[in-house]
Amino acid sequence: MNPGDLARLHSGAVHVFTVVEVDTDHATIAPAGDAATATGAYPFRVPLSVLTPAS
């Protein structure tokens, strides 16, 4: 995963996130698409191991 990539939290997930920042073991992700402007949408950190590419 690289900054700018689109990802999901697992293979069956509905929501898509944009990868904002990546370090050794974690990524900061933010909601993508219409969800990016929703009330309460904010970036958060997750382990890289849980992310799957959104295609």
C-alpha atoms as a PDB file:
ATOM      1  CA  MET A   1       0.000   0.000   0.000  1.00  0.00           C
ATOM      2  CA  ASN A   2       1.138   3.498  -0.884  1.00  0.00           C
ATOM      3  CA  PRO A   3      -0.289   6.964  -0.226  1.00  0.00           C
ATOM      4  CA  GLY A   4      -3.127   7.630  -2.644  1.00  0.00           C
ATOM      5  CA  ASP A   5      -4.118   3.949  -3.001  1.00  0.00           C
ATOM      6  CA  LEU A   6      -7.726   2.946  -2.367  1.00  0.00           C
ATOM      7  CA  ALA A   7      -8.221   0.201   0.201  1.00  0.00           C
ATOM      8  CA  ARG A   8     -10.856  -1.705   2.152  1.00  0.00           C
ATOM      9  CA  LEU A   9     -10.548  -2.922   5.746  1.00  0.00           C
ATOM     10  CA  HIS A  10     -11.126  -6.524   4.622  1.00  0.00           C
ATOM     11  CA  SER A  11     -12.059  -8.330   1.417  1.00  0.00           C
ATOM     12  CA  GLY A  12     -15.821  -8.227   2.057  1.00  0.00           C
ATOM     13  CA  ALA A  13     -15.952  -4.590   3.177  1.00  0.00           C
ATOM     14  CA  VAL A  14     -18.315  -2.109   1.528  1.00  0.00           C
ATOM     15  CA  HIS A  15     -16.550   1.149   2.421  1.00  0.00           C
ATOM     16  CA  VAL A  16     -13.481   2.373   0.552  1.00  0.00           C
ATOM     17  CA  PHE A  17     -10.689   4.430   2.108  1.00  0.00           C
ATOM     18  CA  THR A  18      -7.787   6.447   0.711  1.00  0.00           C
ATOM     19  CA  VAL A  19      -4.367   5.629   2.129  1.00  0.00           C
ATOM     20  CA  VAL A  20      -2.970   8.918   3.447  1.00  0.00           C
ATOM     21  CA  GLU A  21       0.309   7.833   5.042  1.00  0.00           C
ATOM     22  CA  VAL A  22       2.217   4.566   5.469  1.00  0.00           C
ATOM     23  CA  ASP A  23       4.903   3.589   7.957  1.00  0.00           C
ATOM     24  CA  THR A  24       6.465   0.222   8.740  1.00  0.00           C
ATOM     25  CA  ASP A  25       3.411  -1.542  10.209  1.00  0.00           C
ATOM     26  CA  HIS A  26       0.491   0.905   9.982  1.00  0.00           C
ATOM     27  CA  ALA A  27      -1.337   3.160   7.558  1.00  0.00           C
ATOM     28  CA  THR A  28      -3.388   6.276   8.111  1.00  0.00           C
ATOM     29  CA  ILE A  29      -6.543   6.021   6.043  1.00  0.00           C
ATOM     30  CA  ALA A  30      -9.418   8.412   5.367  1.00  0.00           C
ATOM     31  CA  PRO A  31     -12.893   7.793   3.960  1.00  0.00           C
ATOM     32  CA  ALA A  32     -13.095   8.083   0.158  1.00  0.00           C
ATOM     33  CA  GLY A  33     -15.872   9.118  -2.207  1.00  0.00           C
ATOM     34  CA  ASP A  34     -19.136  10.452  -0.790  1.00  0.00           C
ATOM     35  CA  ALA A  35     -18.183   9.234   2.683  1.00  0.00           C
ATOM     36  CA  ALA A  36     -15.233  11.663   2.747  1.00  0.00           C
ATOM     37  CA  THR A  37     -17.564  14.605   3.366  1.00  0.00           C
ATOM     38  CA  ALA A  38     -19.935  12.852   5.781  1.00  0.00           C
ATOM     39  CA  THR A  39     -20.328  14.210   9.286  1.00  0.00           C
ATOM     40  CA  GLY A  40     -17.868  12.426  11.539  1.00  0.00           C
ATOM     41  CA  ALA A  41     -15.554  11.279   8.729  1.00  0.00           C
ATOM     42  CA  TYR A  42     -11.957  11.446   9.869  1.00  0.00           C
ATOM     43  CA  PRO A  43      -8.597   9.767   9.136  1.00  0.00           C
ATOM     44  CA  PHE A  44      -7.455   6.964  11.439  1.00  0.00           C
ATOM     45  CA  ARG A  45      -4.610   4.454  11.755  1.00  0.00           C
ATOM     46  CA  VAL A  46      -4.902   0.739  11.078  1.00  0.00           C
ATOM     47  CA  PRO A  47      -2.424  -2.127  10.808  1.00  0.00           C
ATOM     48  CA  LEU A  48      -1.294  -2.673   7.215  1.00  0.00           C
ATOM     49  CA  SER A  49      -2.147  -6.360   7.607  1.00  0.00           C
ATOM     50  CA  VAL A  50      -5.911  -5.671   7.616  1.00  0.00           C
ATOM     51  CA  LEU A  51      -6.005  -3.605   4.403  1.00  0.00           C
ATOM     52  CA  THR A  52      -6.920  -5.068   1.023  1.00  0.00           C
ATOM     53  CA  PRO A  53      -6.744  -3.178  -2.285  1.00  0.00           C
ATOM     54  CA  ALA A  54     -10.062  -1.784  -3.506  1.00  0.00           C
ATOM     55  CA  SER A  55     -10.462  -2.611  -7.160  1.00  0.00           C
END
